């Protein structure tokens, strides 16, 4: 029988967090059938051993092992290919789920016919073994966006706290596999094909500081952000000029921030392009951006797909 929800969870060196995350997953409330697909990305700790223990104890858990480290974009796509649920629950597995996170997100999706629902995470300084995620109450705010792409091109919706239909994920083509980290590309690609997105200010996960988030590398984030939006521009010349301009502005913003973080970009051309981009006085031609892509590709200390 097809499960309601598939948790699809890439794993790399999460041994310290996995037992606590999995316990919060098992504690989910509601009459919801689910499966769990873990994809190990060649962890060097004992993550895979822990995952296999989960699978041995629970027949709804599947573990996919690999022989090369390829990054979360490729691994998330790999896991979704094996998933069977009507909906996909996409989270980081070093966090703690609110006990009614999936029940609440699923209710919103069904009630409003949305194929994307996004919640929030709350950071905590407590060690993960002491973290308690409170149930989501009834007094949270949410907005239904019927132009998902316009909303995603705004701010603040890239955290992996998603419930999306599996149909939408496949229609969107999943994550951009040319980019190591999936957060930016996944939201953007899903939004292009989605009917609507529900954005809720409810706290669906508690986020302890595990000291291993790739998001701590801001140069990596801006490298990935630039490539995601440039690739999207190149792939979708049919988009309206206003949307293309917004994508162009995202690229220029990423270049500007990467220079702040040490990337060797000349300041004056970037500042000029940033200002005229903000004013909407530039043709969003991705060809201008290719020289910056070449410099990004030469930066050190950046995880890239070709390194797998």
C-alpha atoms as a PDB file:
ATOM      1  CA  UNK A   1       0.000   0.000   0.000  1.00  0.00           C
ATOM      2  CA  UNK A   2       1.282   3.465  -0.930  1.00  0.00           C
ATOM      3  CA  UNK A   3       2.342   5.452   2.156  1.00  0.00           C
ATOM      4  CA  UNK A   4       1.030   8.950   2.727  1.00  0.00           C
ATOM      5  CA  UNK A   5       4.498  10.366   3.325  1.00  0.00           C
ATOM      6  CA  UNK A   6       8.068   9.423   2.456  1.00  0.00           C
ATOM      7  CA  UNK A   7      10.832  10.922   4.577  1.00  0.00           C
ATOM      8  CA  UNK A   8      13.798  11.266   2.201  1.00  0.00           C
ATOM      9  CA  UNK A   9      16.955  12.031   4.155  1.00  0.00           C
ATOM     10  CA  UNK A  10      20.540  12.311   2.864  1.00  0.00           C
ATOM     11  CA  UNK A  11      23.083  11.511   5.563  1.00  0.00           C
ATOM     12  CA  UNK A  12      26.745  12.423   5.868  1.00  0.00           C
ATOM     13  CA  UNK A  13      28.504  12.005   9.219  1.00  0.00           C
ATOM     14  CA  UNK A  14      25.410  12.484  11.378  1.00  0.00           C
ATOM     15  CA  UNK A  15      26.049   9.658  13.842  1.00  0.00           C
ATOM     16  CA  UNK A  16      25.823  11.924  16.902  1.00  0.00           C
ATOM     17  CA  UNK A  17      22.418  13.270  15.872  1.00  0.00           C
ATOM     18  CA  UNK A  18      20.691  10.347  14.156  1.00  0.00           C
ATOM     19  CA  UNK A  19      19.269   8.566  17.228  1.00  0.00           C
ATOM     20  CA  UNK A  20      17.648  11.792  18.468  1.00  0.00           C
ATOM     21  CA  UNK A  21      16.304  12.793  15.071  1.00  0.00           C
ATOM     22  CA  UNK A  22      14.914   9.314  14.440  1.00  0.00           C
ATOM     23  CA  UNK A  23      13.240   9.250  17.852  1.00  0.00           C
ATOM     24  CA  UNK A  24      11.457  12.516  16.976  1.00  0.00           C
ATOM     25  CA  UNK A  25      10.419  11.005  13.648  1.00  0.00           C
ATOM     26  CA  UNK A  26       8.946   7.930  15.362  1.00  0.00           C
ATOM     27  CA  UNK A  27       7.074  10.215  17.769  1.00  0.00           C
ATOM     28  CA  UNK A  28       5.081  11.904  14.980  1.00  0.00           C
ATOM     29  CA  UNK A  29       1.371  12.095  15.768  1.00  0.00           C
ATOM     30  CA  UNK A  30      -1.623  11.517  13.518  1.00  0.00           C
ATOM     31  CA  UNK A  31      -2.970   8.574  11.582  1.00  0.00           C
ATOM     32  CA  UNK A  32      -0.384   8.898   8.816  1.00  0.00           C
ATOM     33  CA  UNK A  33       1.341   6.034   7.025  1.00  0.00           C
ATOM     34  CA  UNK A  34       4.958   6.716   6.192  1.00  0.00           C
ATOM     35  CA  UNK A  35       8.231   5.262   5.026  1.00  0.00           C
ATOM     36  CA  UNK A  36      11.772   6.485   5.651  1.00  0.00           C
ATOM     37  CA  UNK A  37      14.473   6.497   2.977  1.00  0.00           C
ATOM     38  CA  UNK A  38      17.970   7.275   4.265  1.00  0.00           C
ATOM     39  CA  UNK A  39      20.741   7.824   1.716  1.00  0.00           C
ATOM     40  CA  UNK A  40      24.232   7.557   3.159  1.00  0.00           C
ATOM     41  CA  UNK A  41      26.785   9.662   1.289  1.00  0.00           C
ATOM     42  CA  UNK A  42      29.808   7.579   2.303  1.00  0.00           C
ATOM     43  CA  UNK A  43      29.943   8.764   5.904  1.00  0.00           C
ATOM     44  CA  UNK A  44      33.302   8.365   7.612  1.00  0.00           C
ATOM     45  CA  UNK A  45      31.762   7.936  11.073  1.00  0.00           C
ATOM     46  CA  UNK A  46      29.366   5.131  12.046  1.00  0.00           C
ATOM     47  CA  UNK A  47      26.278   6.749  10.515  1.00  0.00           C
ATOM     48  CA  UNK A  48      25.721   3.856   8.113  1.00  0.00           C
ATOM     49  CA  UNK A  49      25.880   1.343  10.960  1.00  0.00           C
ATOM     50  CA  UNK A  50      23.235   3.304  12.874  1.00  0.00           C
ATOM     51  CA  UNK A  51      21.023   3.541   9.792  1.00  0.00           C
ATOM     52  CA  UNK A  52      21.247  -0.203   9.230  1.00  0.00           C
ATOM     53  CA  UNK A  53      20.192  -0.742  12.837  1.00  0.00           C
ATOM     54  CA  UNK A  54      17.117   1.415  12.197  1.00  0.00           C
ATOM     55  CA  UNK A  55      16.304  -0.634   9.107  1.00  0.00           C
ATOM     56  CA  UNK A  56      16.741  -3.928  10.966  1.00  0.00           C
ATOM     57  CA  UNK A  57      14.285  -2.807  13.640  1.00  0.00           C
ATOM     58  CA  UNK A  58      11.662  -1.174  11.381  1.00  0.00           C
ATOM     59  CA  UNK A  59      10.404  -2.543   8.084  1.00  0.00           C
ATOM     60  CA  UNK A  60       9.386   0.939   6.860  1.00  0.00           C
ATOM     61  CA  UNK A  61      13.015   2.098   6.863  1.00  0.00           C
ATOM     62  CA  UNK A  62      15.228   1.704   3.809  1.00  0.00           C
ATOM     63  CA  UNK A  63      18.909   2.544   3.620  1.00  0.00           C
ATOM     64  CA  UNK A  64      20.747   3.332   0.394  1.00  0.00           C
ATOM     65  CA  UNK A  65      24.514   3.034   0.552  1.00  0.00           C
ATOM     66  CA  UNK A  66      26.981   4.527  -1.931  1.00  0.00           C
ATOM     67  CA  UNK A  67      30.618   4.197  -2.921  1.00  0.00           C
ATOM     68  CA  UNK A  68      31.473   7.855  -3.606  1.00  0.00           C
ATOM     69  CA  UNK A  69      30.620  11.080  -1.796  1.00  0.00           C
ATOM     70  CA  UNK A  70      28.475  13.129  -4.199  1.00  0.00           C
ATOM     71  CA  UNK A  71      26.733  15.720  -2.041  1.00  0.00           C
ATOM     72  CA  UNK A  72      23.155  16.302  -0.885  1.00  0.00           C
ATOM     73  CA  UNK A  73      21.739  17.403  -4.254  1.00  0.00           C
ATOM     74  CA  UNK A  74      22.525  14.114  -5.962  1.00  0.00           C
ATOM     75  CA  UNK A  75      21.692  12.037  -2.902  1.00  0.00           C
ATOM     76  CA  UNK A  76      18.290  13.649  -2.382  1.00  0.00           C
ATOM     77  CA  UNK A  77      17.388  12.978  -6.016  1.00  0.00           C
ATOM     78  CA  UNK A  78      18.621   9.412  -5.595  1.00  0.00           C
ATOM     79  CA  UNK A  79      16.419   8.867  -2.549  1.00  0.00           C
ATOM     80  CA  UNK A  80      13.297  10.293  -4.173  1.00  0.00           C
ATOM     81  CA  UNK A  81      13.690   7.805  -7.021  1.00  0.00           C
ATOM     82  CA  UNK A  82      13.110   5.048  -4.445  1.00  0.00           C
ATOM     83  CA  UNK A  83      10.324   6.822  -2.526  1.00  0.00           C
ATOM     84  CA  UNK A  84       6.683   5.773  -2.894  1.00  0.00           C
ATOM     85  CA  UNK A  85       4.777   8.283  -0.752  1.00  0.00           C
ATOM     86  CA  UNK A  86       2.207  10.738  -2.046  1.00  0.00           C
ATOM     87  CA  UNK A  87       4.120  13.449  -0.197  1.00  0.00           C
ATOM     88  CA  UNK A  88       7.823  13.857   0.536  1.00  0.00           C
ATOM     89  CA  UNK A  89       9.044  15.104   3.924  1.00  0.00           C
ATOM     90  CA  UNK A  90      12.405  16.801   3.331  1.00  0.00           C
ATOM     91  CA  UNK A  91      14.376  17.716   6.440  1.00  0.00           C
ATOM     92  CA  UNK A  92      17.926  17.811   7.773  1.00  0.00           C
ATOM     93  CA  UNK A  93      18.452  14.785   9.966  1.00  0.00           C
ATOM     94  CA  UNK A  94      20.509  16.529  12.647  1.00  0.00           C
ATOM     95  CA  UNK A  95      17.467  18.424  13.931  1.00  0.00           C
ATOM     96  CA  UNK A  96      14.518  17.529  16.158  1.00  0.00           C
ATOM     97  CA  UNK A  97      11.012  17.408  14.710  1.00  0.00           C
ATOM     98  CA  UNK A  98       8.023  18.870  16.508  1.00  0.00           C
ATOM     99  CA  UNK A  99       5.804  15.891  17.413  1.00  0.00           C
ATOM    100  CA  UNK A 100       2.954  17.044  15.163  1.00  0.00           C
ATOM    101  CA  UNK A 101       5.084  18.567  12.392  1.00  0.00           C
ATOM    102  CA  UNK A 102       4.023  16.205   9.609  1.00  0.00           C
ATOM    103  CA  UNK A 103       0.411  16.014  10.744  1.00  0.00           C
ATOM    104  CA  UNK A 104       0.126  19.810  10.686  1.00  0.00           C
ATOM    105  CA  UNK A 105       1.936  20.282   7.380  1.00  0.00           C
ATOM    106  CA  UNK A 106      -0.090  17.552   5.716  1.00  0.00           C
ATOM    107  CA  UNK A 107      -3.327  19.091   6.972  1.00  0.00           C
ATOM    108  CA  UNK A 108      -2.386  22.441   5.424  1.00  0.00           C
ATOM    109  CA  UNK A 109      -1.430  20.826   2.120  1.00  0.00           C
ATOM    110  CA  UNK A 110      -4.721  18.964   1.844  1.00  0.00           C
ATOM    111  CA  UNK A 111      -6.939  21.754   3.122  1.00  0.00           C
ATOM    112  CA  UNK A 112      -5.626  24.325   0.659  1.00  0.00           C
ATOM    113  CA  UNK A 113      -4.675  22.078  -2.256  1.00  0.00           C
ATOM    114  CA  UNK A 114      -1.024  23.125  -2.015  1.00  0.00           C
ATOM    115  CA  UNK A 115       1.776  21.020  -3.430  1.00  0.00           C
ATOM    116  CA  UNK A 116       4.402  22.765  -1.256  1.00  0.00           C
ATOM    117  CA  UNK A 117       4.285  23.529   2.490  1.00  0.00           C
ATOM    118  CA  UNK A 118       7.154  25.235   4.295  1.00  0.00           C
ATOM    119  CA  UNK A 119       7.705  25.575   8.036  1.00  0.00           C
ATOM    120  CA  UNK A 120      10.445  27.119  10.144  1.00  0.00           C
ATOM    121  CA  UNK A 121      13.353  25.944  12.234  1.00  0.00           C
ATOM    122  CA  UNK A 122      14.405  27.472  15.534  1.00  0.00           C
ATOM    123  CA  UNK A 123      18.049  27.434  16.564  1.00  0.00           C
ATOM    124  CA  UNK A 124      18.979  26.376  20.062  1.00  0.00           C
ATOM    125  CA  UNK A 125      22.250  26.368  21.977  1.00  0.00           C
ATOM    126  CA  UNK A 126      21.199  23.253  23.929  1.00  0.00           C
ATOM    127  CA  UNK A 127      22.981  19.984  23.100  1.00  0.00           C
ATOM    128  CA  UNK A 128      20.842  17.748  20.940  1.00  0.00           C
ATOM    129  CA  UNK A 129      20.293  15.199  23.713  1.00  0.00           C
ATOM    130  CA  UNK A 130      18.565  17.925  25.757  1.00  0.00           C
ATOM    131  CA  UNK A 131      16.484  19.471  22.963  1.00  0.00           C
ATOM    132  CA  UNK A 132      12.716  19.239  23.297  1.00  0.00           C
ATOM    133  CA  UNK A 133      10.565  20.308  20.356  1.00  0.00           C
ATOM    134  CA  UNK A 134       7.203  21.574  21.536  1.00  0.00           C
ATOM    135  CA  UNK A 135       4.013  20.596  19.687  1.00  0.00           C
ATOM    136  CA  UNK A 136       2.802  23.101  17.129  1.00  0.00           C
ATOM    137  CA  UNK A 137      -0.164  24.973  18.549  1.00  0.00           C
ATOM    138  CA  UNK A 138      -3.168  26.359  16.726  1.00  0.00           C
ATOM    139  CA  UNK A 139      -2.100  29.992  16.790  1.00  0.00           C
ATOM    140  CA  UNK A 140       0.369  30.185  13.941  1.00  0.00           C
ATOM    141  CA  UNK A 141       0.182  32.394  10.886  1.00  0.00           C
ATOM    142  CA  UNK A 142       0.395  31.203   7.323  1.00  0.00           C
ATOM    143  CA  UNK A 143       0.105  32.621   3.827  1.00  0.00           C
ATOM    144  CA  UNK A 144      -0.959  30.877   0.631  1.00  0.00           C
ATOM    145  CA  UNK A 145       1.082  32.023  -2.359  1.00  0.00           C
ATOM    146  CA  UNK A 146      -0.460  31.322  -5.751  1.00  0.00           C
ATOM    147  CA  UNK A 147       2.689  32.528  -7.521  1.00  0.00           C
ATOM    148  CA  UNK A 148       5.259  30.260  -5.854  1.00  0.00           C
ATOM    149  CA  UNK A 149       8.172  31.382  -8.027  1.00  0.00           C
ATOM    150  CA  UNK A 150       7.672  35.023  -7.084  1.00  0.00           C
ATOM    151  CA  UNK A 151       7.684  34.051  -3.402  1.00  0.00           C
ATOM    152  CA  UNK A 152      10.769  31.854  -3.643  1.00  0.00           C
ATOM    153  CA  UNK A 153      12.622  34.682  -5.389  1.00  0.00           C
ATOM    154  CA  UNK A 154      11.951  36.702  -2.248  1.00  0.00           C
ATOM    155  CA  UNK A 155      13.735  35.784   0.981  1.00  0.00           C
ATOM    156  CA  UNK A 156      13.806  33.158   3.694  1.00  0.00           C
ATOM    157  CA  UNK A 157      12.426  29.934   2.185  1.00  0.00           C
ATOM    158  CA  UNK A 158      15.416  27.694   1.550  1.00  0.00           C
ATOM    159  CA  UNK A 159      15.610  25.807   4.858  1.00  0.00           C
ATOM    160  CA  UNK A 160      14.981  22.072   4.499  1.00  0.00           C
ATOM    161  CA  UNK A 161      11.620  22.095   6.248  1.00  0.00           C
ATOM    162  CA  UNK A 162       9.485  21.043   3.290  1.00  0.00           C
ATOM    163  CA  UNK A 163       6.502  18.844   2.677  1.00  0.00           C
ATOM    164  CA  UNK A 164       5.945  18.558  -1.094  1.00  0.00           C
ATOM    165  CA  UNK A 165       4.112  16.184  -3.374  1.00  0.00           C
ATOM    166  CA  UNK A 166       6.242  13.518  -4.984  1.00  0.00           C
ATOM    167  CA  UNK A 167       4.524  14.338  -8.273  1.00  0.00           C
ATOM    168  CA  UNK A 168       5.772  17.937  -8.053  1.00  0.00           C
ATOM    169  CA  UNK A 169       9.325  16.841  -7.250  1.00  0.00           C
ATOM    170  CA  UNK A 170       9.456  14.681 -10.366  1.00  0.00           C
ATOM    171  CA  UNK A 171       7.786  17.325 -12.526  1.00  0.00           C
ATOM    172  CA  UNK A 172      10.383  19.863 -11.373  1.00  0.00           C
ATOM    173  CA  UNK A 173      13.309  17.545 -12.064  1.00  0.00           C
ATOM    174  CA  UNK A 174      14.457  17.554  -8.445  1.00  0.00           C
ATOM    175  CA  UNK A 175      17.637  19.313  -7.338  1.00  0.00           C
ATOM    176  CA  UNK A 176      20.149  20.853  -9.729  1.00  0.00           C
ATOM    177  CA  UNK A 177      22.818  18.142  -9.764  1.00  0.00           C
ATOM    178  CA  UNK A 178      25.452  20.586 -11.009  1.00  0.00           C
ATOM    179  CA  UNK A 179      25.403  22.255  -7.569  1.00  0.00           C
ATOM    180  CA  UNK A 180      26.639  20.493  -4.435  1.00  0.00           C
ATOM    181  CA  UNK A 181      24.152  21.885  -1.877  1.00  0.00           C
ATOM    182  CA  UNK A 182      20.471  21.462  -2.682  1.00  0.00           C
ATOM    183  CA  UNK A 183      18.710  24.160  -0.642  1.00  0.00           C
ATOM    184  CA  UNK A 184      18.527  26.981  -3.205  1.00  0.00           C
ATOM    185  CA  UNK A 185      17.991  24.889  -6.316  1.00  0.00           C
ATOM    186  CA  UNK A 186      15.306  22.661  -4.834  1.00  0.00           C
ATOM    187  CA  UNK A 187      13.047  25.524  -3.746  1.00  0.00           C
ATOM    188  CA  UNK A 188      13.509  27.350  -7.057  1.00  0.00           C
ATOM    189  CA  UNK A 189      12.821  24.343  -9.271  1.00  0.00           C
ATOM    190  CA  UNK A 190       9.811  23.209  -7.256  1.00  0.00           C
ATOM    191  CA  UNK A 191       8.325  26.704  -7.310  1.00  0.00           C
ATOM    192  CA  UNK A 192       8.462  26.897 -11.112  1.00  0.00           C
ATOM    193  CA  UNK A 193       6.122  23.912 -11.410  1.00  0.00           C
ATOM    194  CA  UNK A 194       4.015  24.289  -8.245  1.00  0.00           C
ATOM    195  CA  UNK A 195       0.400  25.425  -8.127  1.00  0.00           C
ATOM    196  CA  UNK A 196       0.738  27.067  -4.725  1.00  0.00           C
ATOM    197  CA  UNK A 197       2.910  27.130  -1.624  1.00  0.00           C
ATOM    198  CA  UNK A 198       1.789  27.467   1.980  1.00  0.00           C
ATOM    199  CA  UNK A 199       4.307  29.423   4.055  1.00  0.00           C
ATOM    200  CA  UNK A 200       3.729  28.981   7.786  1.00  0.00           C
ATOM    201  CA  UNK A 201       5.546  30.579  10.706  1.00  0.00           C
ATOM    202  CA  UNK A 202       5.127  27.417  12.813  1.00  0.00           C
ATOM    203  CA  UNK A 203       8.286  25.871  14.283  1.00  0.00           C
ATOM    204  CA  UNK A 204       8.556  22.400  12.776  1.00  0.00           C
ATOM    205  CA  UNK A 205      12.146  21.667  13.850  1.00  0.00           C
ATOM    206  CA  UNK A 206      14.543  22.630  16.599  1.00  0.00           C
ATOM    207  CA  UNK A 207      18.063  23.193  15.290  1.00  0.00           C
ATOM    208  CA  UNK A 208      20.936  22.460  17.670  1.00  0.00           C
ATOM    209  CA  UNK A 209      24.459  23.543  16.788  1.00  0.00           C
ATOM    210  CA  UNK A 210      26.070  20.291  15.669  1.00  0.00           C
ATOM    211  CA  UNK A 211      29.113  22.053  14.226  1.00  0.00           C
ATOM    212  CA  UNK A 212      28.868  20.296  10.870  1.00  0.00           C
ATOM    213  CA  UNK A 213      26.505  22.358   8.723  1.00  0.00           C
ATOM    214  CA  UNK A 214      27.966  23.187   5.323  1.00  0.00           C
ATOM    215  CA  UNK A 215      25.934  26.403   5.609  1.00  0.00           C
ATOM    216  CA  UNK A 216      28.678  27.718   7.909  1.00  0.00           C
ATOM    217  CA  UNK A 217      30.844  28.114   4.779  1.00  0.00           C
ATOM    218  CA  UNK A 218      29.410  31.364   3.422  1.00  0.00           C
ATOM    219  CA  UNK A 219      31.663  31.318   0.364  1.00  0.00           C
ATOM    220  CA  UNK A 220      30.237  27.901  -0.505  1.00  0.00           C
ATOM    221  CA  UNK A 221      26.712  29.243  -0.101  1.00  0.00           C
ATOM    222  CA  UNK A 222      27.314  32.201  -2.372  1.00  0.00           C
ATOM    223  CA  UNK A 223      29.116  30.022  -4.914  1.00  0.00           C
ATOM    224  CA  UNK A 224      26.097  27.702  -4.974  1.00  0.00           C
ATOM    225  CA  UNK A 225      23.577  30.560  -4.964  1.00  0.00           C
ATOM    226  CA  UNK A 226      25.256  32.120  -7.993  1.00  0.00           C
ATOM    227  CA  UNK A 227      25.345  28.845  -9.940  1.00  0.00           C
ATOM    228  CA  UNK A 228      21.755  27.936  -9.091  1.00  0.00           C
ATOM    229  CA  UNK A 229      20.348  31.210 -10.388  1.00  0.00           C
ATOM    230  CA  UNK A 230      22.656  31.357 -13.404  1.00  0.00           C
ATOM    231  CA  UNK A 231      21.747  27.795 -14.388  1.00  0.00           C
ATOM    232  CA  UNK A 232      18.077  28.630 -13.987  1.00  0.00           C
ATOM    233  CA  UNK A 233      18.474  31.668 -16.245  1.00  0.00           C
ATOM    234  CA  UNK A 234      20.213  29.556 -18.884  1.00  0.00           C
ATOM    235  CA  UNK A 235      17.620  26.776 -18.687  1.00  0.00           C
ATOM    236  CA  UNK A 236      14.552  29.045 -18.873  1.00  0.00           C
ATOM    237  CA  UNK A 237      14.871  31.760 -21.526  1.00  0.00           C
ATOM    238  CA  UNK A 238      11.070  31.710 -21.772  1.00  0.00           C
ATOM    239  CA  UNK A 239      10.577  33.321 -18.364  1.00  0.00           C
ATOM    240  CA  UNK A 240       9.120  36.854 -18.231  1.00  0.00           C
ATOM    241  CA  UNK A 241      11.683  39.659 -18.225  1.00  0.00           C
ATOM    242  CA  UNK A 242      10.796  40.647 -14.653  1.00  0.00           C
ATOM    243  CA  UNK A 243      11.535  37.142 -13.375  1.00  0.00           C
ATOM    244  CA  UNK A 244      14.774  36.974 -15.367  1.00  0.00           C
ATOM    245  CA  UNK A 245      15.821  40.313 -13.916  1.00  0.00           C
ATOM    246  CA  UNK A 246      15.220  38.986 -10.399  1.00  0.00           C
ATOM    247  CA  UNK A 247      17.355  35.928 -11.154  1.00  0.00           C
ATOM    248  CA  UNK A 248      20.081  38.194 -12.530  1.00  0.00           C
ATOM    249  CA  UNK A 249      19.922  40.327  -9.382  1.00  0.00           C
ATOM    250  CA  UNK A 250      20.338  37.166  -7.270  1.00  0.00           C
ATOM    251  CA  UNK A 251      23.489  36.320  -9.236  1.00  0.00           C
ATOM    252  CA  UNK A 252      24.976  39.788  -8.797  1.00  0.00           C
ATOM    253  CA  UNK A 253      24.135  39.764  -5.092  1.00  0.00           C
ATOM    254  CA  UNK A 254      25.912  36.401  -4.697  1.00  0.00           C
ATOM    255  CA  UNK A 255      28.981  37.784  -6.516  1.00  0.00           C
ATOM    256  CA  UNK A 256      29.022  40.843  -4.246  1.00  0.00           C
ATOM    257  CA  UNK A 257      28.795  38.694  -1.094  1.00  0.00           C
ATOM    258  CA  UNK A 258      31.406  36.241  -2.373  1.00  0.00           C
ATOM    259  CA  UNK A 259      33.826  39.141  -2.892  1.00  0.00           C
ATOM    260  CA  UNK A 260      33.197  40.115   0.739  1.00  0.00           C
ATOM    261  CA  UNK A 261      34.149  36.545   1.684  1.00  0.00           C
ATOM    262  CA  UNK A 262      37.418  36.659  -0.275  1.00  0.00           C
ATOM    263  CA  UNK A 263      36.563  35.788  -3.881  1.00  0.00           C
ATOM    264  CA  UNK A 264      38.856  37.735  -6.286  1.00  0.00           C
ATOM    265  CA  UNK A 265      36.252  39.877  -8.016  1.00  0.00           C
ATOM    266  CA  UNK A 266      36.967  43.520  -8.931  1.00  0.00           C
ATOM    267  CA  UNK A 267      34.864  45.816  -6.763  1.00  0.00           C
ATOM    268  CA  UNK A 268      33.788  48.605  -9.132  1.00  0.00           C
ATOM    269  CA  UNK A 269      32.178  46.517 -11.913  1.00  0.00           C
ATOM    270  CA  UNK A 270      30.292  44.465  -9.330  1.00  0.00           C
ATOM    271  CA  UNK A 271      29.040  47.526  -7.470  1.00  0.00           C
ATOM    272  CA  UNK A 272      27.986  49.166 -10.726  1.00  0.00           C
ATOM    273  CA  UNK A 273      26.125  46.071 -11.888  1.00  0.00           C
ATOM    274  CA  UNK A 274      24.569  45.651  -8.440  1.00  0.00           C
ATOM    275  CA  UNK A 275      23.197  49.196  -8.467  1.00  0.00           C
ATOM    276  CA  UNK A 276      21.835  49.128 -12.018  1.00  0.00           C
ATOM    277  CA  UNK A 277      20.438  45.653 -11.376  1.00  0.00           C
ATOM    278  CA  UNK A 278      18.599  46.931  -8.301  1.00  0.00           C
ATOM    279  CA  UNK A 279      17.222  49.759 -10.417  1.00  0.00           C
ATOM    280  CA  UNK A 280      16.120  47.330 -13.123  1.00  0.00           C
ATOM    281  CA  UNK A 281      18.235  49.144 -15.734  1.00  0.00           C
ATOM    282  CA  UNK A 282      20.055  46.121 -17.123  1.00  0.00           C
ATOM    283  CA  UNK A 283      19.217  43.436 -19.641  1.00  0.00           C
ATOM    284  CA  UNK A 284      19.356  40.158 -17.656  1.00  0.00           C
ATOM    285  CA  UNK A 285      21.678  38.488 -20.149  1.00  0.00           C
ATOM    286  CA  UNK A 286      23.311  35.442 -18.548  1.00  0.00           C
ATOM    287  CA  UNK A 287      26.243  35.648 -20.983  1.00  0.00           C
ATOM    288  CA  UNK A 288      27.669  38.575 -19.000  1.00  0.00           C
ATOM    289  CA  UNK A 289      27.800  36.331 -15.951  1.00  0.00           C
ATOM    290  CA  UNK A 290      29.878  33.570 -17.531  1.00  0.00           C
ATOM    291  CA  UNK A 291      33.207  35.211 -16.707  1.00  0.00           C
ATOM    292  CA  UNK A 292      32.205  35.220 -13.049  1.00  0.00           C
ATOM    293  CA  UNK A 293      31.282  31.556 -13.279  1.00  0.00           C
ATOM    294  CA  UNK A 294      34.796  30.806 -14.510  1.00  0.00           C
ATOM    295  CA  UNK A 295      36.278  32.543 -11.461  1.00  0.00           C
ATOM    296  CA  UNK A 296      33.861  30.784  -9.100  1.00  0.00           C
ATOM    297  CA  UNK A 297      34.919  27.443 -10.579  1.00  0.00           C
ATOM    298  CA  UNK A 298      38.552  28.126  -9.668  1.00  0.00           C
ATOM    299  CA  UNK A 299      37.924  28.972  -6.016  1.00  0.00           C
ATOM    300  CA  UNK A 300      39.450  26.625  -3.451  1.00  0.00           C
ATOM    301  CA  UNK A 301      37.681  25.164  -0.413  1.00  0.00           C
ATOM    302  CA  UNK A 302      34.450  24.778  -2.381  1.00  0.00           C
ATOM    303  CA  UNK A 303      32.656  21.438  -2.628  1.00  0.00           C
ATOM    304  CA  UNK A 304      31.691  20.674  -6.206  1.00  0.00           C
ATOM    305  CA  UNK A 305      29.944  17.818  -7.912  1.00  0.00           C
ATOM    306  CA  UNK A 306      32.931  17.028 -10.116  1.00  0.00           C
ATOM    307  CA  UNK A 307      34.962  16.134  -7.005  1.00  0.00           C
ATOM    308  CA  UNK A 308      32.940  12.978  -6.347  1.00  0.00           C
END
